[in-house]
Amino acid sequence: MGSDGPVPLELTEYATRVFNGVRLTEADRRLVAGGAFDGRLRLRELRGDRLEVAAAQYVGTVRLEAAEIRVVPKHLGGELDVLRMVDHAWGRVRNPLPTAQGLAGGRPHLRDLVCLMVVEHGERLLRHGVRRDYVTTEDDLRVVRGRLLPDRQLLHHHGRLDLLACRFEEHEADVTDNRLCAAALALAARTARDEGVRARARRAAGLFAQHAPTPLGDVRAALAGLTYHRHNEHYRPAHLWAGLLLTGGGLDGLFSPGPLVSGAFLIDMNLLFEAFVTRLLEDGAEGSGLRVERQTSHSSVLFDERARHGYGTVRPDVLVSGLRSGLPYRLPVDVKYKLYAERKVSPADLYQAAFYAHALGRRADGRPPVCALVHPGPAGSGGGDRVAARTLEGAVTARVRAVPLDVRATLAELGGPDPGAVPARLFREVTG
C-alpha cells in the first residue's frame, strides 16, 4: 500500500481484470477469507504483487487498506444512471438528482452520490421542521402524569408519596424516522470523499442529533419496522437513501440480502433491474383494467400426488392479470438482467419461462399461453425474441417472447417532458 492511500482500481460488472502493483494487507486477507464479498466480488492474489478481481452483477465500491475497487455499470451511462434507476424504482420523488459537477473531488463514485442524496434530503427535512410523535414513556414523577402504575409503585416506592410511577405519552422528535436520518448523516460526515459533502453532512448530522440523540440500533430491524402514513410520508425518500447508505447498498428485500460490510457499497443490478421494470409495468397498467402483482407465490401449481399437498411454490417476477374482452387473462413476466440482445436466451431461462407460461399464462383469445421475458437491450433487439414450446407432433403449447428494454434511453425519457409515455409503451410491448 502506497503512502497516498489505497490504490484505485476500476472494472465493469461481470468483468475480470488483473491489476499490477497491488498487495493485500493481512487485514484485507482476513476480510476476504471470512467471506465478506462471497458472490459479489472475488479477489485472488497472484505472484509478483498482482491482484485478480472478478466482478459479478454488483456495482459500487469496496474500500480495502491496499486498494479501493470500483465496479462500474456496463450497460448504463454511469453511476448516476444507477441512482436514477433506484430513485424511480423505490423513490419516485421527482426531485433533481445530483450531477457529477456537483462534487469537487474528481469523478464521483456511486457511494459519493448516495451520500449527497442523504445530505440533501436531510437538509430538506430540517428546513421544513422534523417530525415529532407521541412516545410512551415510564418515569418516576412527583405528580401524577398520564397513568399511575400500581405494580411498579408498590415494588419500587412502597409507602412513598413523593415519587409516583407513571406511564405517559411524550411528544418528541427522538423517533425512528429521525434516528435513521441522523445515523446516515453521521456516516456520510465520516466517510464521504468530497469535502463539501462532508461539511454539509456534519452540520445536518449535528442538528439531527439534537432532535434524535438515541442510537439507531440494528439498521435492518429499523428499516423493516417503518410504516408510512400522512404524517411521515414525506420522509420516505430520505429513508430510501439513508437505508441504502447504512446497509452498504444492500437494502434487505430490495437489493442485496448479504452481510453488512464496512467499507463496501455494492448494489445488486439484477434486483434493481427487476424492481425498475416492475415499477414501469405498474405505472403502465394504470387505466388498463389489468393488475400487476409483484412476486406472487402459487403453491397449487406443483403438487405432490402421493402426499396430496403442494410440492413447492412457483413465483414469477411479475404477474399481469384481469379481464380482456370480458375473458380471464394472465401473463407471467420474467425479468432478467442479461444481454439477450447479443445472444440467445439460455436454455435454463427458456425452461423457466416456458413453465411459467404453461402453469400461469392464459390468453383471452384461446391461443397458447405466453410468458414475456424482459431484458436490457436496444429497441427491436433480442436473440430469442419469440420461442415456441412444441410437442413432438409440432403442436405449440406455449410461447416465450423476449422484450428488450433500452435502460439508458428509458431513463432519458423519464427525465423528459412526457415521462408517462415510457411505462405505457413498455406495458403495451409486454402485453401485446
Foldseek 3Di string as FASTA:
>chain_A
DDPVWAAEAEDEAQDKDKDAPFDADPVRVVCVVVVQQPPAKDWDADPRRMIIIGGHQKAFWFGGRHHIYGYWYDQAPTLVLVVLLLCLLFNVPPDDFDDQVVFDPPRDTNLLSLLLLLLVLLVVCVVVDAAKDWDKDKDWAQDEDAAFDVVCCCVPPNPDNRTTIYIYIDTAQQDLLLLLSLVLLVVSLVDNPGPVSNVSSVVSNVVSCVRHVDHNPDLLVSVVPDDDDPRCPSSRSSNSSSSLNVQLNDRVPQFHPHHRDPRHRIGRVFRSQLSSLLSLQQLQCVPVQKDKDAFDWDQPQAADPVVGGGPGIDTARIWIWGDDPNATFIEGEHEGADPQLVDADDPVVVVSQQSCQQRTGDDRVRDAGEYEYEYADDFPGGPCQWDFDADPVGHTRYIYGYGHDHSHVLSVCCSDDCNSVSSNVVNVVRVD
